[in-house]
C-alpha atoms as a PDB file:
ATOM      1  CA  MET A   1     193.528 133.268  43.459  1.00  0.00           C
ATOM      2  CA  LEU A   2     196.101 131.427  45.536  1.00  0.00           C
ATOM      3  CA  ASP A   3     193.640 131.123  48.410  1.00  0.00           C
ATOM      4  CA  ARG A   4     191.080 129.477  46.110  1.00  0.00           C
ATOM      5  CA  MET A   5     193.669 127.003  44.844  1.00  0.00           C
ATOM      6  CA  ILE A   6     194.607 126.099  48.407  1.00  0.00           C
ATOM      7  CA  VAL A   7     190.962 125.593  49.354  1.00  0.00           C
ATOM      8  CA  ARG A   8     190.363 123.365  46.328  1.00  0.00           C
ATOM      9  CA  TRP A   9     193.495 121.347  47.083  1.00  0.00           C
ATOM     10  CA  GLN A  10     192.365 120.832  50.657  1.00  0.00           C
ATOM     11  CA  ALA A  11     188.931 119.752  49.426  1.00  0.00           C
ATOM     12  CA  LEU A  12     190.537 117.210  47.103  1.00  0.00           C
ATOM     13  CA  ARG A  13     192.670 115.889  49.951  1.00  0.00           C
ATOM     14  CA  GLU A  14     189.609 115.510  52.164  1.00  0.00           C
ATOM     15  CA  ALA A  15     187.794 113.662  49.369  1.00  0.00           C
ATOM     16  CA  ALA A  16     190.777 111.347  48.902  1.00  0.00           C
ATOM     17  CA  ARG A  17     190.650 110.491  52.607  1.00  0.00           C
ATOM     18  CA  GLY A  18     186.909 109.796  52.415  1.00  0.00           C
ATOM     19  CA  PRO A  19     185.155 106.445  52.738  1.00  0.00           C
ATOM     20  CA  LEU A  20     186.574 105.099  49.483  1.00  0.00           C
ATOM     21  CA  VAL A  21     186.209 101.439  50.455  1.00  0.00           C
ATOM     22  CA  VAL A  22     182.576 101.869  51.518  1.00  0.00           C
ATOM     23  CA  HIS A  23     181.769 103.662  48.276  1.00  0.00           C
ATOM     24  CA  ALA A  24     183.587 101.003  46.231  1.00  0.00           C
ATOM     25  CA  LEU A  25     181.728  98.168  47.964  1.00  0.00           C
ATOM     26  CA  ILE A  26     178.388  99.874  47.402  1.00  0.00           C
ATOM     27  CA  ALA A  27     179.231 100.544  43.765  1.00  0.00           C
ATOM     28  CA  GLY A  28     180.365  96.951  43.256  1.00  0.00           C
ATOM     29  CA  CYS A  29     177.173  95.506  44.733  1.00  0.00           C
ATOM     30  CA  CYS A  30     175.007  97.860  42.669  1.00  0.00           C
ATOM     31  CA  VAL A  31     176.812  97.090  39.402  1.00  0.00           C
ATOM     32  CA  VAL A  32     176.621  93.328  39.982  1.00  0.00           C
ATOM     33  CA  PHE A  33     172.919  93.586  40.778  1.00  0.00           C
ATOM     34  CA  LEU A  34     172.099  95.750  37.763  1.00  0.00           C
ATOM     35  CA  LEU A  35     173.932  93.376  35.430  1.00  0.00           C
ATOM     36  CA  GLY A  36     172.362  90.290  37.000  1.00  0.00           C
ATOM     37  CA  PRO A  37     168.969  88.699  36.319  1.00  0.00           C
ATOM     38  CA  THR A  38     167.160  89.931  39.437  1.00  0.00           C
ATOM     39  CA  SER A  39     167.224  93.591  38.457  1.00  0.00           C
ATOM     40  CA  GLY A  40     165.171  92.829  35.362  1.00  0.00           C
ATOM     41  CA  LEU A  41     167.253  95.335  33.407  1.00  0.00           C
ATOM     42  CA  ASN A  42     169.478  92.888  31.521  1.00  0.00           C
ATOM     43  CA  PRO A  43     167.597  91.549  28.483  1.00  0.00           C
ATOM     44  CA  SER A  44     170.120  88.744  27.938  1.00  0.00           C
ATOM     45  CA  TYR A  45     168.500  86.780  30.773  1.00  0.00           C
ATOM     46  CA  GLY A  46     165.159  86.695  29.007  1.00  0.00           C
ATOM     47  CA  THR A  47     161.720  87.037  30.543  1.00  0.00           C
ATOM     48  CA  GLY A  48     159.093  84.867  32.231  1.00  0.00           C
ATOM     49  CA  ASP A  49     160.064  81.255  32.895  1.00  0.00           C
ATOM     50  CA  ARG A  50     163.430  81.679  31.199  1.00  0.00           C
ATOM     51  CA  LEU A  51     164.291  84.543  33.546  1.00  0.00           C
ATOM     52  CA  LEU A  52     163.388  82.396  36.557  1.00  0.00           C
ATOM     53  CA  GLU A  53     165.556  79.530  35.310  1.00  0.00           C
ATOM     54  CA  THR A  54     168.550  81.712  34.529  1.00  0.00           C
ATOM     55  CA  GLY A  55     168.137  83.491  37.862  1.00  0.00           C
ATOM     56  CA  THR A  56     168.205  80.199  39.763  1.00  0.00           C
ATOM     57  CA  ALA A  57     171.300  79.084  37.869  1.00  0.00           C
ATOM     58  CA  TYR A  58     172.925  82.478  38.495  1.00  0.00           C
ATOM     59  CA  PHE A  59     172.405  82.255  42.241  1.00  0.00           C
ATOM     60  CA  ARG A  60     173.698  78.682  42.406  1.00  0.00           C
ATOM     61  CA  ARG A  61     176.813  79.690  40.521  1.00  0.00           C
ATOM     62  CA  TRP A  62     177.701  82.759  42.561  1.00  0.00           C
ATOM     63  CA  GLY A  63     175.910  82.111  45.868  1.00  0.00           C
ATOM     64  CA  VAL A  64     176.672  79.777  48.759  1.00  0.00           C
ATOM     65  CA  VAL A  65     175.081  76.341  48.659  1.00  0.00           C
ATOM     66  CA  PRO A  66     175.831  74.734  52.060  1.00  0.00           C
ATOM     67  CA  ASP A  67     175.986  71.093  50.950  1.00  0.00           C
ATOM     68  CA  GLU A  68     178.365  72.097  48.132  1.00  0.00           C
ATOM     69  CA  LEU A  69     180.530  74.424  50.214  1.00  0.00           C
ATOM     70  CA  LEU A  70     181.298  71.694  52.719  1.00  0.00           C
ATOM     71  CA  THR A  71     182.600  69.388  49.989  1.00  0.00           C
ATOM     72  CA  GLY A  72     185.698  71.576  49.917  1.00  0.00           C
ATOM     73  CA  SER A  73     185.909  72.051  46.151  1.00  0.00           C
ATOM     74  CA  GLY A  74     187.877  75.082  45.008  1.00  0.00           C
ATOM     75  CA  ARG A  75     184.954  76.731  43.244  1.00  0.00           C
ATOM     76  CA  ALA A  76     182.613  76.219  46.183  1.00  0.00           C
ATOM     77  CA  LEU A  77     185.137  77.673  48.625  1.00  0.00           C
ATOM     78  CA  LEU A  78     185.142  80.919  46.655  1.00  0.00           C
ATOM     79  CA  THR A  79     181.365  81.357  46.742  1.00  0.00           C
ATOM     80  CA  PRO A  80     181.258  83.088  50.184  1.00  0.00           C
ATOM     81  CA  LEU A  81     183.306  85.856  48.548  1.00  0.00           C
ATOM     82  CA  THR A  82     181.229  86.163  45.400  1.00  0.00           C
ATOM     83  CA  ALA A  83     177.975  85.886  47.371  1.00  0.00           C
ATOM     84  CA  LEU A  84     178.859  89.120  49.203  1.00  0.00           C
ATOM     85  CA  PHE A  85     178.142  91.040  45.993  1.00  0.00           C
ATOM     86  CA  VAL A  86     174.977  89.218  44.904  1.00  0.00           C
ATOM     87  CA  HIS A  87     171.521  90.248  46.131  1.00  0.00           C
ATOM     88  CA  GLY A  88     168.120  88.692  45.644  1.00  0.00           C
ATOM     89  CA  SER A  89     165.919  91.756  45.152  1.00  0.00           C
ATOM     90  CA  TRP A  90     165.876  95.535  44.977  1.00  0.00           C
ATOM     91  CA  LEU A  91     164.766  95.728  48.615  1.00  0.00           C
ATOM     92  CA  HIS A  92     167.544  93.359  49.677  1.00  0.00           C
ATOM     93  CA  LEU A  93     170.150  95.466  47.886  1.00  0.00           C
ATOM     94  CA  LEU A  94     168.903  98.886  49.006  1.00  0.00           C
ATOM     95  CA  GLY A  95     168.471  97.813  52.631  1.00  0.00           C
ATOM     96  CA  ASN A  96     171.979  96.380  52.797  1.00  0.00           C
ATOM     97  CA  MET A  97     173.577  99.378  51.092  1.00  0.00           C
ATOM     98  CA  LEU A  98     171.793 101.786  53.427  1.00  0.00           C
ATOM     99  CA  PHE A  99     173.141  99.998  56.496  1.00  0.00           C
ATOM    100  CA  LEU A 100     176.623  99.745  54.971  1.00  0.00           C
ATOM    101  CA  TYR A 101     176.778 103.455  54.220  1.00  0.00           C
ATOM    102  CA  VAL A 102     175.323 104.675  57.519  1.00  0.00           C
ATOM    103  CA  PHE A 103     177.455 102.494  59.774  1.00  0.00           C
ATOM    104  CA  GLY A 104     180.401 101.797  57.483  1.00  0.00           C
ATOM    105  CA  VAL A 105     181.683 105.337  56.944  1.00  0.00           C
ATOM    106  CA  MET A 106     182.680 106.001  60.556  1.00  0.00           C
ATOM    107  CA  THR A 107     183.882 102.418  61.033  1.00  0.00           C
ATOM    108  CA  GLN A 108     186.160 102.672  58.001  1.00  0.00           C
ATOM    109  CA  GLU A 109     187.441 106.035  59.202  1.00  0.00           C
ATOM    110  CA  ARG A 110     188.413 104.482  62.529  1.00  0.00           C
ATOM    111  CA  MET A 111     189.969 101.314  61.092  1.00  0.00           C
ATOM    112  CA  GLY A 112     191.527 102.710  57.948  1.00  0.00           C
ATOM    113  CA  ARG A 113     190.943 101.499  54.403  1.00  0.00           C
ATOM    114  CA  PRO A 114     193.069  98.310  54.218  1.00  0.00           C
ATOM    115  CA  GLU A 115     191.980  97.037  57.626  1.00  0.00           C
ATOM    116  CA  PHE A 116     188.320  97.811  57.007  1.00  0.00           C
ATOM    117  CA  LEU A 117     188.348  96.000  53.653  1.00  0.00           C
ATOM    118  CA  SER A 118     190.050  92.939  55.175  1.00  0.00           C
ATOM    119  CA  PHE A 119     187.653  93.053  58.113  1.00  0.00           C
ATOM    120  CA  TYR A 120     184.616  93.264  55.826  1.00  0.00           C
ATOM    121  CA  VAL A 121     185.665  90.402  53.569  1.00  0.00           C
ATOM    122  CA  CYS A 122     186.864  88.058  56.317  1.00  0.00           C
ATOM    123  CA  THR A 123     183.873  88.509  58.624  1.00  0.00           C
ATOM    124  CA  GLY A 124     181.488  88.225  55.684  1.00  0.00           C
ATOM    125  CA  TYR A 125     183.136  84.982  54.586  1.00  0.00           C
ATOM    126  CA  LEU A 126     183.069  83.512  58.096  1.00  0.00           C
ATOM    127  CA  ALA A 127     179.430  84.492  58.675  1.00  0.00           C
ATOM    128  CA  LEU A 128     178.307  82.746  55.488  1.00  0.00           C
ATOM    129  CA  ALA A 129     180.520  79.729  56.217  1.00  0.00           C
ATOM    130  CA  ALA A 130     179.047  79.466  59.722  1.00  0.00           C
ATOM    131  CA  TYR A 131     175.532  79.489  58.312  1.00  0.00           C
ATOM    132  CA  ALA A 132     176.511  76.782  55.821  1.00  0.00           C
ATOM    133  CA  ALA A 133     178.026  74.650  58.583  1.00  0.00           C
ATOM    134  CA  ALA A 134     174.846  74.952  60.665  1.00  0.00           C
ATOM    135  CA  ASN A 135     172.743  73.945  57.650  1.00  0.00           C
ATOM    136  CA  ALA A 136     175.106  71.402  56.151  1.00  0.00           C
ATOM    137  CA  SER A 137     172.455  69.373  54.351  1.00  0.00           C
ATOM    138  CA  SER A 138     170.679  72.344  52.802  1.00  0.00           C
ATOM    139  CA  ASP A 139     170.738  72.961  49.062  1.00  0.00           C
ATOM    140  CA  GLN A 140     169.186  76.450  49.401  1.00  0.00           C
ATOM    141  CA  THR A 141     171.311  79.232  47.930  1.00  0.00           C
ATOM    142  CA  LEU A 142     172.537  82.005  50.214  1.00  0.00           C
ATOM    143  CA  VAL A 143     173.445  85.420  48.758  1.00  0.00           C
ATOM    144  CA  GLY A 144     173.966  88.937  50.047  1.00  0.00           C
ATOM    145  CA  ALA A 145     176.350  91.070  52.057  1.00  0.00           C
ATOM    146  CA  SER A 146     174.275  90.673  55.223  1.00  0.00           C
ATOM    147  CA  GLY A 147     176.930  88.827  57.227  1.00  0.00           C
ATOM    148  CA  ALA A 148     179.641  91.375  56.458  1.00  0.00           C
ATOM    149  CA  ILE A 149     177.361  94.350  57.096  1.00  0.00           C
ATOM    150  CA  SER A 150     176.218  92.813  60.368  1.00  0.00           C
ATOM    151  CA  ALA A 151     179.899  92.672  61.342  1.00  0.00           C
ATOM    152  CA  VAL A 152     180.159  96.386  60.567  1.00  0.00           C
ATOM    153  CA  LEU A 153     177.200  96.984  62.883  1.00  0.00           C
ATOM    154  CA  GLY A 154     178.886  94.991  65.635  1.00  0.00           C
ATOM    155  CA  ALA A 155     182.130  96.926  65.247  1.00  0.00           C
ATOM    156  CA  PHE A 156     180.206 100.220  65.233  1.00  0.00           C
ATOM    157  CA  LEU A 157     178.517  99.276  68.493  1.00  0.00           C
ATOM    158  CA  CYS A 158     181.899  98.647  70.118  1.00  0.00           C
ATOM    159  CA  LEU A 159     183.623 101.713  68.680  1.00  0.00           C
ATOM    160  CA  PHE A 160     180.824 104.294  68.845  1.00  0.00           C
ATOM    161  CA  PRO A 161     178.310 103.101  71.461  1.00  0.00           C
ATOM    162  CA  ARG A 162     177.179 106.617  72.379  1.00  0.00           C
ATOM    163  CA  ALA A 163     176.784 107.943  68.825  1.00  0.00           C
ATOM    164  CA  ARG A 164     173.279 109.293  68.301  1.00  0.00           C
ATOM    165  CA  VAL A 165     171.363 107.405  65.637  1.00  0.00           C
ATOM    166  CA  THR A 166     168.068 108.556  64.155  1.00  0.00           C
ATOM    167  CA  SER A 167     165.912 105.487  63.542  1.00  0.00           C
ATOM    168  CA  LEU A 168     162.458 104.761  62.168  1.00  0.00           C
ATOM    169  CA  PHE A 169     160.548 102.048  64.019  1.00  0.00           C
ATOM    170  CA  PRO A 170     157.649 100.460  62.056  1.00  0.00           C
ATOM    171  CA  PHE A 171     155.727  99.472  65.191  1.00  0.00           C
ATOM    172  CA  LEU A 172     155.780 103.146  66.268  1.00  0.00           C
ATOM    173  CA  PHE A 173     154.294 104.246  62.948  1.00  0.00           C
ATOM    174  CA  PHE A 174     157.780 105.115  61.633  1.00  0.00           C
ATOM    175  CA  LEU A 175     158.176 107.851  64.222  1.00  0.00           C
ATOM    176  CA  PRO A 176     161.813 109.091  63.996  1.00  0.00           C
ATOM    177  CA  LEU A 177     163.625 108.703  67.300  1.00  0.00           C
ATOM    178  CA  ARG A 178     167.181 109.811  68.017  1.00  0.00           C
ATOM    179  CA  LEU A 179     168.774 107.225  70.283  1.00  0.00           C
ATOM    180  CA  PRO A 180     172.273 106.097  71.280  1.00  0.00           C
ATOM    181  CA  ALA A 181     173.737 103.502  68.935  1.00  0.00           C
ATOM    182  CA  TRP A 182     173.956 100.881  71.679  1.00  0.00           C
ATOM    183  CA  ILE A 183     170.158 100.929  72.124  1.00  0.00           C
ATOM    184  CA  VAL A 184     169.411 100.733  68.395  1.00  0.00           C
ATOM    185  CA  LEU A 185     171.958  98.015  67.612  1.00  0.00           C
ATOM    186  CA  LEU A 186     171.244  95.844  70.638  1.00  0.00           C
ATOM    187  CA  PHE A 187     167.555  96.061  69.763  1.00  0.00           C
ATOM    188  CA  TRP A 188     168.404  95.003  66.206  1.00  0.00           C
ATOM    189  CA  PHE A 189     170.501  92.107  67.528  1.00  0.00           C
ATOM    190  CA  ALA A 190     167.652  90.971  69.778  1.00  0.00           C
ATOM    191  CA  LEU A 191     165.281  90.954  66.795  1.00  0.00           C
ATOM    192  CA  GLN A 192     167.716  88.806  64.824  1.00  0.00           C
ATOM    193  CA  TRP A 193     168.033  86.416  67.758  1.00  0.00           C
ATOM    194  CA  VAL A 194     164.280  85.969  68.072  1.00  0.00           C
ATOM    195  CA  ALA A 195     163.843  85.614  64.301  1.00  0.00           C
ATOM    196  CA  ALA A 196     166.665  83.054  64.092  1.00  0.00           C
ATOM    197  CA  HIS A 197     164.925  80.817  66.632  1.00  0.00           C
ATOM    198  CA  ARG A 198     161.608  81.084  64.806  1.00  0.00           C
ATOM    199  CA  ALA A 199     162.974  80.643  61.296  1.00  0.00           C
ATOM    200  CA  GLY A 200     162.535  77.307  59.561  1.00  0.00           C
ATOM    201  CA  SER A 201     165.071  75.399  57.518  1.00  0.00           C
ATOM    202  CA  GLY A 202     163.655  76.552  54.176  1.00  0.00           C
ATOM    203  CA  PRO A 203     164.529  79.629  52.115  1.00  0.00           C
ATOM    204  CA  GLY A 204     164.308  83.025  53.759  1.00  0.00           C
ATOM    205  CA  VAL A 205     166.495  85.462  55.676  1.00  0.00           C
ATOM    206  CA  ALA A 206     169.753  83.992  57.022  1.00  0.00           C
ATOM    207  CA  TYR A 207     169.387  85.358  60.543  1.00  0.00           C
ATOM    208  CA  LEU A 208     172.145  83.106  61.833  1.00  0.00           C
ATOM    209  CA  ALA A 209     174.614  84.766  59.451  1.00  0.00           C
ATOM    210  CA  HIS A 210     173.528  88.126  60.887  1.00  0.00           C
ATOM    211  CA  LEU A 211     174.164  86.972  64.449  1.00  0.00           C
ATOM    212  CA  VAL A 212     177.542  85.441  63.630  1.00  0.00           C
ATOM    213  CA  GLY A 213     178.653  88.486  61.649  1.00  0.00           C
ATOM    214  CA  PHE A 214     177.556  90.923  64.354  1.00  0.00           C
ATOM    215  CA  SER A 215     179.336  88.918  67.058  1.00  0.00           C
ATOM    216  CA  LEU A 216     182.524  88.646  65.004  1.00  0.00           C
ATOM    217  CA  GLY A 217     182.524  92.377  64.326  1.00  0.00           C
ATOM    218  CA  PHE A 218     182.003  93.312  67.961  1.00  0.00           C
ATOM    219  CA  VAL A 219     184.652  90.902  69.245  1.00  0.00           C
ATOM    220  CA  TYR A 220     187.187  92.004  66.630  1.00  0.00           C
ATOM    221  CA  ALA A 221     186.694  95.700  67.432  1.00  0.00           C
ATOM    222  CA  TRP A 222     186.849  95.027  71.177  1.00  0.00           C
ATOM    223  CA  VAL A 223     190.085  93.025  70.916  1.00  0.00           C
ATOM    224  CA  ARG A 224     191.671  95.386  68.408  1.00  0.00           C
ATOM    225  CA  TYR A 225     190.687  98.710  70.001  1.00  0.00           C
ATOM    226  CA  ARG A 226     189.915  97.928  73.637  1.00  0.00           C
ATOM    227  CA  ARG A 227     192.948  99.905  74.847  1.00  0.00           C
ATOM    228  CA  THR A 228     192.073 103.010  72.856  1.00  0.00           C
ATOM    229  CA  THR A 229     189.568 105.683  73.763  1.00  0.00           C
ATOM    230  CA  ARG A 230     186.156 105.191  72.209  1.00  0.00           C
ATOM    231  CA  VAL A 231     185.163 107.999  69.899  1.00  0.00           C
ATOM    232  CA  ARG A 232     182.056 110.022  70.670  1.00  0.00           C
ATOM    233  CA  ARG A 233     180.708 111.415  67.423  1.00  0.00           C
ATOM    234  CA  PRO A 234     177.211 112.069  66.171  1.00  0.00           C
ATOM    235  CA  ALA A 235     175.806 109.736  63.534  1.00  0.00           C
ATOM    236  CA  THR A 236     172.550 109.896  61.656  1.00  0.00           C
ATOM    237  CA  ALA A 237     170.874 106.797  60.283  1.00  0.00           C
ATOM    238  CA  THR A 238     167.521 105.988  58.820  1.00  0.00           C
ATOM    239  CA  GLU A 239     166.420 102.461  59.548  1.00  0.00           C
ATOM    240  CA  GLY A 240     163.189 100.863  58.467  1.00  0.00           C
ATOM    241  CA  ASP A 241     162.115  97.272  58.517  1.00  0.00           C
ATOM    242  CA  SER A 242     164.769  96.181  55.976  1.00  0.00           C
ATOM    243  CA  GLN A 243     167.181  93.574  57.267  1.00  0.00           C
ATOM    244  CA  PRO A 244     170.894  93.834  56.408  1.00  0.00           C
END
């Protein structure tokens, strides 16, 4: 009886030390999405044209609008924080949450909860602000946790470069390949770089925010942990063609 109680207590302690911040961020993004207009599950936003109108207004209220952010108003300066929890579609949300869970758990474990949360919020804010600065005249709304999650990927690359990551590559007919993290993430970064140079100024994926976030995450982890031994641990991820 005593042995069972000890085992249960140890299990509870392990759960308490788990990736609480990652789980909370995922839960927050999912709740915001489900309550918002894009999920289609909240009847208060209406249907048809009314849903489109309320959705546009919703994104402009909580997302980043570059030409408004650079005016320096208090409300606009908060939008890079609120935009981290707003997503434009089910695919956008699920792709981001998959990347956050796969690469965020080990990164949070290495950094610790308070540091990881501060890292996530600050890099996400700076990535969105950098995109706004580069597109200062744009009135297109930017939403999503892509910049922050890209920073997590950059930090993961620095901290766990030899971790084995199982990935699905669309151009190889989704054949699962188990590769070191540095190959997978540098390949992902190269794709973002190419896409950023081909992307127009209109609405679409904010590849520049991905590049800025990834670079910030890698540099932060390198400066913060460069004198410590890099951890070699296995990691399993499933990546498709979704962009974080």
